Amino acid sequence: AEAALDAGAHMLNDITGLRAAPGLAALAGAAEAPLVVMHAIGLP
């Protein structure tokens, strides 16, 4: 996610809803990027 934002992405789409990497929220906040959180059970 961090490398993709550096490469030109504008927003993050997390299918685990921050369960796999809670740090995605801090990354999105610092980058001023929207964040999609999805409901799912289990992990990829």
All heavy atoms as atom14 arrays in JSON, in Angstrom:
{
  "sequence": "AEAALDAGAHMLNDITGLRAAPGLAALAGAAEAPLVVMHAIGLP",
  "atom14_mask": [
    [1, 1, 1, 1, 1, 0, 0, 0, 0, 0, 0, 0, 0, 0],
    [1, 1, 1, 1, 1, 1, 1, 1, 1, 0, 0, 0, 0, 0],
    [1, 1, 1, 1, 1, 0, 0, 0, 0, 0, 0, 0, 0, 0],
    [1, 1, 1, 1, 1, 0, 0, 0, 0, 0, 0, 0, 0, 0],
    [1, 1, 1, 1, 1, 1, 1, 1, 0, 0, 0, 0, 0, 0],
    [1, 1, 1, 1, 1, 1, 1, 1, 0, 0, 0, 0, 0, 0],
    [1, 1, 1, 1, 1, 0, 0, 0, 0, 0, 0, 0, 0, 0],
    [1, 1, 1, 1, 0, 0, 0, 0, 0, 0, 0, 0, 0, 0],
    [1, 1, 1, 1, 1, 0, 0, 0, 0, 0, 0, 0, 0, 0],
    [1, 1, 1, 1, 1, 1, 1, 1, 1, 1, 0, 0, 0, 0],
    [1, 1, 1, 1, 1, 1, 1, 1, 0, 0, 0, 0, 0, 0],
    [1, 1, 1, 1, 1, 1, 1, 1, 0, 0, 0, 0, 0, 0],
    [1, 1, 1, 1, 1, 1, 1, 1, 0, 0, 0, 0, 0, 0],
    [1, 1, 1, 1, 1, 1, 1, 1, 0, 0, 0, 0, 0, 0],
    [1, 1, 1, 1, 1, 1, 1, 1, 0, 0, 0, 0, 0, 0],
    [1, 1, 1, 1, 1, 1, 1, 0, 0, 0, 0, 0, 0, 0],
    [1, 1, 1, 1, 0, 0, 0, 0, 0, 0, 0, 0, 0, 0],
    [1, 1, 1, 1, 1, 1, 1, 1, 0, 0, 0, 0, 0, 0],
    [1, 1, 1, 1, 1, 1, 1, 1, 1, 1, 1, 0, 0, 0],
    [1, 1, 1, 1, 1, 0, 0, 0, 0, 0, 0, 0, 0, 0],
    [1, 1, 1, 1, 1, 0, 0, 0, 0, 0, 0, 0, 0, 0],
    [1, 1, 1, 1, 1, 1, 1, 0, 0, 0, 0, 0, 0, 0],
    [1, 1, 1, 1, 0, 0, 0, 0, 0, 0, 0, 0, 0, 0],
    [1, 1, 1, 1, 1, 1, 1, 1, 0, 0, 0, 0, 0, 0],
    [1, 1, 1, 1, 1, 0, 0, 0, 0, 0, 0, 0, 0, 0],
    [1, 1, 1, 1, 1, 0, 0, 0, 0, 0, 0, 0, 0, 0],
    [1, 1, 1, 1, 1, 1, 1, 1, 0, 0, 0, 0, 0, 0],
    [1, 1, 1, 1, 1, 0, 0, 0, 0, 0, 0, 0, 0, 0],
    [1, 1, 1, 1, 0, 0, 0, 0, 0, 0, 0, 0, 0, 0],
    [1, 1, 1, 1, 1, 0, 0, 0, 0, 0, 0, 0, 0, 0],
    [1, 1, 1, 1, 1, 0, 0, 0, 0, 0, 0, 0, 0, 0],
    [1, 1, 1, 1, 1, 1, 1, 1, 1, 0, 0, 0, 0, 0],
    [1, 1, 1, 1, 1, 0, 0, 0, 0, 0, 0, 0, 0, 0],
    [1, 1, 1, 1, 1, 1, 1, 0, 0, 0, 0, 0, 0, 0],
    [1, 1, 1, 1, 1, 1, 1, 1, 0, 0, 0, 0, 0, 0],
    [1, 1, 1, 1, 1, 1, 1, 0, 0, 0, 0, 0, 0, 0],
    [1, 1, 1, 1, 1, 1, 1, 0, 0, 0, 0, 0, 0, 0],
    [1, 1, 1, 1, 1, 1, 1, 1, 0, 0, 0, 0, 0, 0],
    [1, 1, 1, 1, 1, 1, 1, 1, 1, 1, 0, 0, 0, 0],
    [1, 1, 1, 1, 1, 0, 0, 0, 0, 0, 0, 0, 0, 0],
    [1, 1, 1, 1, 1, 1, 1, 1, 0, 0, 0, 0, 0, 0],
    [1, 1, 1, 1, 0, 0, 0, 0, 0, 0, 0, 0, 0, 0],
    [1, 1, 1, 1, 1, 1, 1, 1, 0, 0, 0, 0, 0, 0],
    [1, 1, 1, 1, 1, 1, 1, 0, 0, 0, 0, 0, 0, 0]
  ],
  "atom14_positions": [
    [[0.83, -1.21, 0.0], [0.0, 0.0, 0.0], [0.86, 1.26, 0.0], [0.61, 2.22, -0.75], [-0.93, -0.02, 1.21], [0.0, 0.0, 0.0], [0.0, 0.0, 0.0], [0.0, 0.0, 0.0], [0.0, 0.0, 0.0], [0.0, 0.0, 0.0], [0.0, 0.0, 0.0], [0.0, 0.0, 0.0], [0.0, 0.0, 0.0], [0.0, 0.0, 0.0]],
    [[1.89, 1.26, 0.83], [2.76, 2.44, 0.92], [3.48, 2.68, -0.39], [3.55, 3.83, -0.88], [3.77, 2.24, 2.05], [4.64, 3.46, 2.34], [5.47, 3.29, 3.59], [5.61, 2.14, 4.07], [5.96, 4.32, 4.09], [0.0, 0.0, 0.0], [0.0, 0.0, 0.0], [0.0, 0.0, 0.0], [0.0, 0.0, 0.0], [0.0, 0.0, 0.0]],
    [[3.99, 1.61, -1.01], [4.69, 1.75, -2.29], [3.74, 2.2, -3.39], [4.11, 2.98, -4.27], [5.36, 0.43, -2.66], [0.0, 0.0, 0.0], [0.0, 0.0, 0.0], [0.0, 0.0, 0.0], [0.0, 0.0, 0.0], [0.0, 0.0, 0.0], [0.0, 0.0, 0.0], [0.0, 0.0, 0.0], [0.0, 0.0, 0.0], [0.0, 0.0, 0.0]],
    [[2.5, 1.7, -3.35], [1.51, 2.08, -4.37], [1.14, 3.56, -4.25], [0.98, 4.26, -5.26], [0.27, 1.21, -4.24], [0.0, 0.0, 0.0], [0.0, 0.0, 0.0], [0.0, 0.0, 0.0], [0.0, 0.0, 0.0], [0.0, 0.0, 0.0], [0.0, 0.0, 0.0], [0.0, 0.0, 0.0], [0.0, 0.0, 0.0], [0.0, 0.0, 0.0]],
    [[1.01, 4.06, -3.03], [0.74, 5.49, -2.84], [1.9, 6.32, -3.38], [1.7, 7.35, -4.04], [0.49, 5.8, -1.37], [-0.81, 5.26, -0.77], [-0.84, 5.5, 0.74], [-2.04, 5.9, -1.42], [0.0, 0.0, 0.0], [0.0, 0.0, 0.0], [0.0, 0.0, 0.0], [0.0, 0.0, 0.0], [0.0, 0.0, 0.0], [0.0, 0.0, 0.0]],
    [[3.11, 5.88, -3.15], [4.28, 6.58, -3.67], [4.31, 6.54, -5.2], [4.82, 7.47, -5.83], [5.57, 5.95, -3.13], [5.79, 6.23, -1.65], [5.15, 7.18, -1.13], [6.58, 5.5, -1.02], [0.0, 0.0, 0.0], [0.0, 0.0, 0.0], [0.0, 0.0, 0.0], [0.0, 0.0, 0.0], [0.0, 0.0, 0.0], [0.0, 0.0, 0.0]],
    [[3.74, 5.47, -5.78], [3.75, 5.3, -7.23], [2.63, 6.06, -7.93], [2.59, 6.12, -9.15], [3.66, 3.81, -7.58], [0.0, 0.0, 0.0], [0.0, 0.0, 0.0], [0.0, 0.0, 0.0], [0.0, 0.0, 0.0], [0.0, 0.0, 0.0], [0.0, 0.0, 0.0], [0.0, 0.0, 0.0], [0.0, 0.0, 0.0], [0.0, 0.0, 0.0]],
    [[1.68, 6.62, -7.14], [0.62, 7.41, -7.76], [-0.79, 7.03, -7.4], [-1.75, 7.64, -7.9], [0.0, 0.0, 0.0], [0.0, 0.0, 0.0], [0.0, 0.0, 0.0], [0.0, 0.0, 0.0], [0.0, 0.0, 0.0], [0.0, 0.0, 0.0], [0.0, 0.0, 0.0], [0.0, 0.0, 0.0], [0.0, 0.0, 0.0], [0.0, 0.0, 0.0]],
    [[-0.99, 6.03, -6.54], [-2.34, 5.67, -6.12], [-2.91, 6.76, -5.21], [-2.17, 7.47, -4.54], [-2.33, 4.33, -5.4], [0.0, 0.0, 0.0], [0.0, 0.0, 0.0], [0.0, 0.0, 0.0], [0.0, 0.0, 0.0], [0.0, 0.0, 0.0], [0.0, 0.0, 0.0], [0.0, 0.0, 0.0], [0.0, 0.0, 0.0], [0.0, 0.0, 0.0]],
    [[-4.25, 6.84, -5.2], [-4.93, 7.88, -4.43], [-5.7, 7.33, -3.23], [-6.0, 8.08, -2.3], [-5.94, 8.62, -5.31], [-5.37, 9.23, -6.54], [-5.32, 8.56, -7.75], [-4.8, 10.44, -6.74], [-4.76, 9.34, -8.66], [-4.44, 10.48, -8.08], [0.0, 0.0, 0.0], [0.0, 0.0, 0.0], [0.0, 0.0, 0.0], [0.0, 0.0, 0.0]],
    [[-6.07, 6.06, -3.26], [-6.88, 5.52, -2.17], [-6.54, 4.05, -1.94], [-5.94, 3.39, -2.8], [-8.37, 5.68, -2.45], [-8.91, 4.95, -3.66], [-10.65, 5.4, -4.04], [-11.52, 4.68, -2.65], [0.0, 0.0, 0.0], [0.0, 0.0, 0.0], [0.0, 0.0, 0.0], [0.0, 0.0, 0.0], [0.0, 0.0, 0.0], [0.0, 0.0, 0.0]],
    [[-6.9, 3.56, -0.74], [-6.61, 2.19, -0.34], [-7.91, 1.41, -0.2], [-8.9, 1.92, 0.33], [-5.85, 2.16, 0.99], [-4.58, 2.99, 1.08], [-3.97, 2.85, 2.48], [-3.57, 2.57, 0.02], [0.0, 0.0, 0.0], [0.0, 0.0, 0.0], [0.0, 0.0, 0.0], [0.0, 0.0, 0.0], [0.0, 0.0, 0.0], [0.0, 0.0, 0.0]],
    [[-7.89, 0.16, -0.62], [-9.05, -0.72, -0.55], [-8.63, -1.99, 0.18], [-7.92, -2.83, -0.37], [-9.55, -1.04, -1.95], [-10.78, -1.94, -1.96], [-11.38, -2.2, -0.92], [-11.16, -2.41, -3.13], [0.0, 0.0, 0.0], [0.0, 0.0, 0.0], [0.0, 0.0, 0.0], [0.0, 0.0, 0.0], [0.0, 0.0, 0.0], [0.0, 0.0, 0.0]],
    [[-9.06, -2.12, 1.43], [-8.63, -3.23, 2.3], [-9.78, -4.21, 2.5], [-10.73, -3.93, 3.23], [-8.16, -2.68, 3.64], [-7.76, -3.78, 4.62], [-7.58, -4.94, 4.2], [-7.63, -3.47, 5.83], [0.0, 0.0, 0.0], [0.0, 0.0, 0.0], [0.0, 0.0, 0.0], [0.0, 0.0, 0.0], [0.0, 0.0, 0.0], [0.0, 0.0, 0.0]],
    [[-9.67, -5.4, 1.89], [-10.75, -6.39, 2.0], [-10.8, -7.05, 3.37], [-11.76, -7.76, 3.66], [-10.63, -7.48, 0.91], [-9.37, -8.32, 1.11], [-10.69, -6.87, -0.48], [-9.34, -9.58, 0.26], [0.0, 0.0, 0.0], [0.0, 0.0, 0.0], [0.0, 0.0, 0.0], [0.0, 0.0, 0.0], [0.0, 0.0, 0.0], [0.0, 0.0, 0.0]],
    [[-9.82, -6.82, 4.21], [-9.86, -7.39, 5.57], [-10.4, -6.4, 6.6], [-10.5, -6.74, 7.78], [-8.46, -7.86, 6.02], [-7.67, -6.73, 6.4], [-7.76, -8.66, 4.94], [0.0, 0.0, 0.0], [0.0, 0.0, 0.0], [0.0, 0.0, 0.0], [0.0, 0.0, 0.0], [0.0, 0.0, 0.0], [0.0, 0.0, 0.0], [0.0, 0.0, 0.0]],
    [[-10.73, -5.19, 6.18], [-11.27, -4.23, 7.12], [-10.34, -3.93, 8.29], [-10.78, -3.79, 9.43], [0.0, 0.0, 0.0], [0.0, 0.0, 0.0], [0.0, 0.0, 0.0], [0.0, 0.0, 0.0], [0.0, 0.0, 0.0], [0.0, 0.0, 0.0], [0.0, 0.0, 0.0], [0.0, 0.0, 0.0], [0.0, 0.0, 0.0], [0.0, 0.0, 0.0]],
    [[-9.04, -3.81, 8.01], [-7.99, -3.48, 8.99], [-7.64, -4.63, 9.92], [-6.9, -4.45, 10.88], [-8.37, -2.24, 9.81], [-8.55, -0.95, 9.02], [-9.02, 0.19, 9.93], [-7.25, -0.55, 8.31], [0.0, 0.0, 0.0], [0.0, 0.0, 0.0], [0.0, 0.0, 0.0], [0.0, 0.0, 0.0], [0.0, 0.0, 0.0], [0.0, 0.0, 0.0]],
    [[-8.14, -5.84, 9.65], [-7.79, -6.98, 10.52], [-6.4, -7.5, 10.22], [-5.69, -7.92, 11.13], [-8.83, -8.1, 10.36], [-10.19, -7.74, 10.96], [-11.19, -8.86, 10.78], [-11.38, -9.18, 9.37], [-11.05, -10.32, 8.79], [-10.49, -11.3, 9.49], [-11.26, -10.52, 7.5], [0.0, 0.0, 0.0], [0.0, 0.0, 0.0], [0.0, 0.0, 0.0]],
    [[-5.99, -7.5, 8.96], [-4.68, -8.04, 8.6], [-3.57, -7.05, 8.91], [-2.48, -7.45, 9.35], [-4.65, -8.42, 7.12], [0.0, 0.0, 0.0], [0.0, 0.0, 0.0], [0.0, 0.0, 0.0], [0.0, 0.0, 0.0], [0.0, 0.0, 0.0], [0.0, 0.0, 0.0], [0.0, 0.0, 0.0], [0.0, 0.0, 0.0], [0.0, 0.0, 0.0]],
    [[-3.81, -5.78, 8.67], [-2.78, -4.76, 8.88], [-3.43, -3.49, 9.41], [-3.77, -2.59, 8.64], [-2.03, -4.48, 7.58], [0.0, 0.0, 0.0], [0.0, 0.0, 0.0], [0.0, 0.0, 0.0], [0.0, 0.0, 0.0], [0.0, 0.0, 0.0], [0.0, 0.0, 0.0], [0.0, 0.0, 0.0], [0.0, 0.0, 0.0], [0.0, 0.0, 0.0]],
    [[-3.61, -3.39, 10.73], [-4.21, -2.18, 11.3], [-3.45, -0.91, 10.93], [-4.03, 0.17, 10.88], [-4.14, -2.44, 12.81], [-4.1, -3.94, 12.94], [-3.33, -4.42, 11.75], [0.0, 0.0, 0.0], [0.0, 0.0, 0.0], [0.0, 0.0, 0.0], [0.0, 0.0, 0.0], [0.0, 0.0, 0.0], [0.0, 0.0, 0.0], [0.0, 0.0, 0.0]],
    [[-2.15, -1.05, 10.62], [-1.34, 0.1, 10.25], [-1.77, 0.78, 8.96], [-1.34, 1.91, 8.69], [0.0, 0.0, 0.0], [0.0, 0.0, 0.0], [0.0, 0.0, 0.0], [0.0, 0.0, 0.0], [0.0, 0.0, 0.0], [0.0, 0.0, 0.0], [0.0, 0.0, 0.0], [0.0, 0.0, 0.0], [0.0, 0.0, 0.0], [0.0, 0.0, 0.0]],
    [[-2.61, 0.13, 8.18], [-3.12, 0.76, 6.96], [-3.88, 2.03, 7.28], [-3.9, 2.98, 6.48], [-4.02, -0.21, 6.18], [-3.34, -1.28, 5.34], [-4.37, -2.24, 4.78], [-2.53, -0.65, 4.21], [0.0, 0.0, 0.0], [0.0, 0.0, 0.0], [0.0, 0.0, 0.0], [0.0, 0.0, 0.0], [0.0, 0.0, 0.0], [0.0, 0.0, 0.0]],
    [[-4.55, 2.06, 8.41], [-5.32, 3.25, 8.78], [-4.38, 4.44, 9.0], [-4.64, 5.54, 8.5], [-6.16, 2.98, 10.02], [0.0, 0.0, 0.0], [0.0, 0.0, 0.0], [0.0, 0.0, 0.0], [0.0, 0.0, 0.0], [0.0, 0.0, 0.0], [0.0, 0.0, 0.0], [0.0, 0.0, 0.0], [0.0, 0.0, 0.0], [0.0, 0.0, 0.0]],
    [[-3.31, 4.24, 9.75], [-2.35, 5.32, 9.98], [-1.71, 5.78, 8.67], [-1.49, 6.98, 8.46], [-1.28, 4.87, 10.97], [0.0, 0.0, 0.0], [0.0, 0.0, 0.0], [0.0, 0.0, 0.0], [0.0, 0.0, 0.0], [0.0, 0.0, 0.0], [0.0, 0.0, 0.0], [0.0, 0.0, 0.0], [0.0, 0.0, 0.0], [0.0, 0.0, 0.0]],
    [[-1.42, 4.82, 7.79], [-0.85, 5.16, 6.49], [-1.82, 6.03, 5.68], [-1.43, 7.05, 5.11], [-0.51, 3.89, 5.71], [-0.05, 4.09, 4.26], [1.27, 4.85, 4.23], [0.09, 2.74, 3.56], [0.0, 0.0, 0.0], [0.0, 0.0, 0.0], [0.0, 0.0, 0.0], [0.0, 0.0, 0.0], [0.0, 0.0, 0.0], [0.0, 0.0, 0.0]],
    [[-3.09, 5.61, 5.63], [-4.08, 6.38, 4.88], [-4.24, 7.77, 5.48], [-4.35, 8.76, 4.76], [-5.42, 5.64, 4.88], [0.0, 0.0, 0.0], [0.0, 0.0, 0.0], [0.0, 0.0, 0.0], [0.0, 0.0, 0.0], [0.0, 0.0, 0.0], [0.0, 0.0, 0.0], [0.0, 0.0, 0.0], [0.0, 0.0, 0.0], [0.0, 0.0, 0.0]],
    [[-4.26, 7.85, 6.81], [-4.4, 9.15, 7.46], [-3.24, 10.07, 7.14], [-3.45, 11.24, 6.79], [0.0, 0.0, 0.0], [0.0, 0.0, 0.0], [0.0, 0.0, 0.0], [0.0, 0.0, 0.0], [0.0, 0.0, 0.0], [0.0, 0.0, 0.0], [0.0, 0.0, 0.0], [0.0, 0.0, 0.0], [0.0, 0.0, 0.0], [0.0, 0.0, 0.0]],
    [[-2.02, 9.55, 7.23], [-0.84, 10.37, 6.97], [-0.77, 10.82, 5.51], [-0.31, 11.92, 5.2], [0.42, 9.6, 7.35], [0.0, 0.0, 0.0], [0.0, 0.0, 0.0], [0.0, 0.0, 0.0], [0.0, 0.0, 0.0], [0.0, 0.0, 0.0], [0.0, 0.0, 0.0], [0.0, 0.0, 0.0], [0.0, 0.0, 0.0], [0.0, 0.0, 0.0]],
    [[-1.24, 9.95, 4.6], [-1.18, 10.24, 3.17], [-2.39, 11.02, 2.68], [-2.46, 11.38, 1.51], [-1.07, 8.93, 2.37], [0.0, 0.0, 0.0], [0.0, 0.0, 0.0], [0.0, 0.0, 0.0], [0.0, 0.0, 0.0], [0.0, 0.0, 0.0], [0.0, 0.0, 0.0], [0.0, 0.0, 0.0], [0.0, 0.0, 0.0], [0.0, 0.0, 0.0]],
    [[-3.36, 11.27, 3.58], [-4.61, 11.93, 3.22], [-5.31, 11.18, 2.08], [-5.8, 11.76, 1.13], [-4.38, 13.39, 2.86], [-3.8, 14.2, 4.01], [-3.64, 15.67, 3.7], [-3.69, 16.05, 2.51], [-3.47, 16.45, 4.64], [0.0, 0.0, 0.0], [0.0, 0.0, 0.0], [0.0, 0.0, 0.0], [0.0, 0.0, 0.0], [0.0, 0.0, 0.0]],
    [[-5.33, 9.86, 2.24], [-5.93, 8.98, 1.25], [-7.21, 8.37, 1.81], [-7.24, 7.96, 2.97], [-4.96, 7.87, 0.86], [0.0, 0.0, 0.0], [0.0, 0.0, 0.0], [0.0, 0.0, 0.0], [0.0, 0.0, 0.0], [0.0, 0.0, 0.0], [0.0, 0.0, 0.0], [0.0, 0.0, 0.0], [0.0, 0.0, 0.0], [0.0, 0.0, 0.0]],
    [[-8.28, 8.28, 1.02], [-9.47, 7.57, 1.46], [-9.15, 6.1, 1.69], [-8.24, 5.53, 1.07], [-10.45, 7.74, 0.29], [-9.92, 8.87, -0.52], [-8.44, 8.83, -0.34], [0.0, 0.0, 0.0], [0.0, 0.0, 0.0], [0.0, 0.0, 0.0], [0.0, 0.0, 0.0], [0.0, 0.0, 0.0], [0.0, 0.0, 0.0], [0.0, 0.0, 0.0]],
    [[-9.93, 5.47, 2.57], [-9.73, 4.07, 2.91], [-11.05, 3.32, 2.82], [-12.04, 3.72, 3.45], [-9.17, 3.96, 4.33], [-9.04, 2.55, 4.92], [-8.0, 1.73, 4.16], [-8.68, 2.62, 6.4], [0.0, 0.0, 0.0], [0.0, 0.0, 0.0], [0.0, 0.0, 0.0], [0.0, 0.0, 0.0], [0.0, 0.0, 0.0], [0.0, 0.0, 0.0]],
    [[-11.07, 2.25, 2.04], [-12.22, 1.36, 1.98], [-12.01, 0.23, 2.99], [-10.96, -0.43, 2.96], [-12.42, 0.75, 0.58], [-13.65, -0.15, 0.55], [-12.53, 1.84, -0.48], [0.0, 0.0, 0.0], [0.0, 0.0, 0.0], [0.0, 0.0, 0.0], [0.0, 0.0, 0.0], [0.0, 0.0, 0.0], [0.0, 0.0, 0.0], [0.0, 0.0, 0.0]],
    [[-12.99, 0.01, 3.86], [-12.94, -1.12, 4.78], [-14.09, -2.06, 4.44], [-15.24, -1.64, 4.32], [-13.02, -0.67, 6.26], [-11.73, 0.03, 6.65], [-14.21, 0.24, 6.53], [0.0, 0.0, 0.0], [0.0, 0.0, 0.0], [0.0, 0.0, 0.0], [0.0, 0.0, 0.0], [0.0, 0.0, 0.0], [0.0, 0.0, 0.0], [0.0, 0.0, 0.0]],
    [[-13.77, -3.33, 4.26], [-14.76, -4.33, 3.86], [-14.96, -5.36, 4.95], [-14.02, -5.72, 5.66], [-14.31, -5.04, 2.57], [-15.37, -5.94, 1.96], [-14.74, -6.92, 0.57], [-14.07, -8.34, 1.46], [0.0, 0.0, 0.0], [0.0, 0.0, 0.0], [0.0, 0.0, 0.0], [0.0, 0.0, 0.0], [0.0, 0.0, 0.0], [0.0, 0.0, 0.0]],
    [[-16.19, -5.85, 5.08], [-16.46, -6.94, 6.01], [-16.12, -8.28, 5.35], [-16.52, -8.56, 4.22], [-17.92, -6.98, 6.44], [-18.24, -8.21, 7.26], [-18.68, -9.38, 6.67], [-18.13, -8.45, 8.58], [-18.86, -10.29, 7.63], [-18.53, -9.75, 8.79], [0.0, 0.0, 0.0], [0.0, 0.0, 0.0], [0.0, 0.0, 0.0], [0.0, 0.0, 0.0]],
    [[-15.37, -9.08, 6.06], [-15.1, -10.46, 5.65], [-14.7, -11.22, 6.9], [-14.4, -10.63, 7.94], [-13.98, -10.52, 4.61], [0.0, 0.0, 0.0], [0.0, 0.0, 0.0], [0.0, 0.0, 0.0], [0.0, 0.0, 0.0], [0.0, 0.0, 0.0], [0.0, 0.0, 0.0], [0.0, 0.0, 0.0], [0.0, 0.0, 0.0], [0.0, 0.0, 0.0]],
    [[-14.7, -12.53, 6.81], [-14.18, -13.35, 7.9], [-13.02, -14.16, 7.37], [-12.92, -14.4, 6.17], [-15.27, -14.27, 8.51], [-15.83, -15.21, 7.43], [-16.39, -13.44, 9.12], [-16.78, -16.24, 7.99], [0.0, 0.0, 0.0], [0.0, 0.0, 0.0], [0.0, 0.0, 0.0], [0.0, 0.0, 0.0], [0.0, 0.0, 0.0], [0.0, 0.0, 0.0]],
    [[-12.13, -14.56, 8.26], [-10.92, -15.22, 7.82], [-9.97, -14.2, 7.21], [-10.27, -13.0, 7.13], [0.0, 0.0, 0.0], [0.0, 0.0, 0.0], [0.0, 0.0, 0.0], [0.0, 0.0, 0.0], [0.0, 0.0, 0.0], [0.0, 0.0, 0.0], [0.0, 0.0, 0.0], [0.0, 0.0, 0.0], [0.0, 0.0, 0.0], [0.0, 0.0, 0.0]],
    [[-8.82, -14.68, 6.8], [-7.83, -13.83, 6.17], [-7.47, -14.4, 4.8], [-7.7, -15.59, 4.54], [-6.58, -13.73, 7.05], [-6.76, -12.97, 8.37], [-5.52, -13.12, 9.24], [-7.07, -11.5, 8.11], [0.0, 0.0, 0.0], [0.0, 0.0, 0.0], [0.0, 0.0, 0.0], [0.0, 0.0, 0.0], [0.0, 0.0, 0.0], [0.0, 0.0, 0.0]],
    [[-6.95, -13.57, 3.9], [-6.58, -14.07, 2.57], [-5.74, -15.33, 2.66], [-4.8, -15.42, 3.46], [-5.8, -12.9, 1.97], [-6.42, -11.69, 2.6], [-6.72, -12.12, 4.02], [0.0, 0.0, 0.0], [0.0, 0.0, 0.0], [0.0, 0.0, 0.0], [0.0, 0.0, 0.0], [0.0, 0.0, 0.0], [0.0, 0.0, 0.0], [0.0, 0.0, 0.0]]
  ]
}
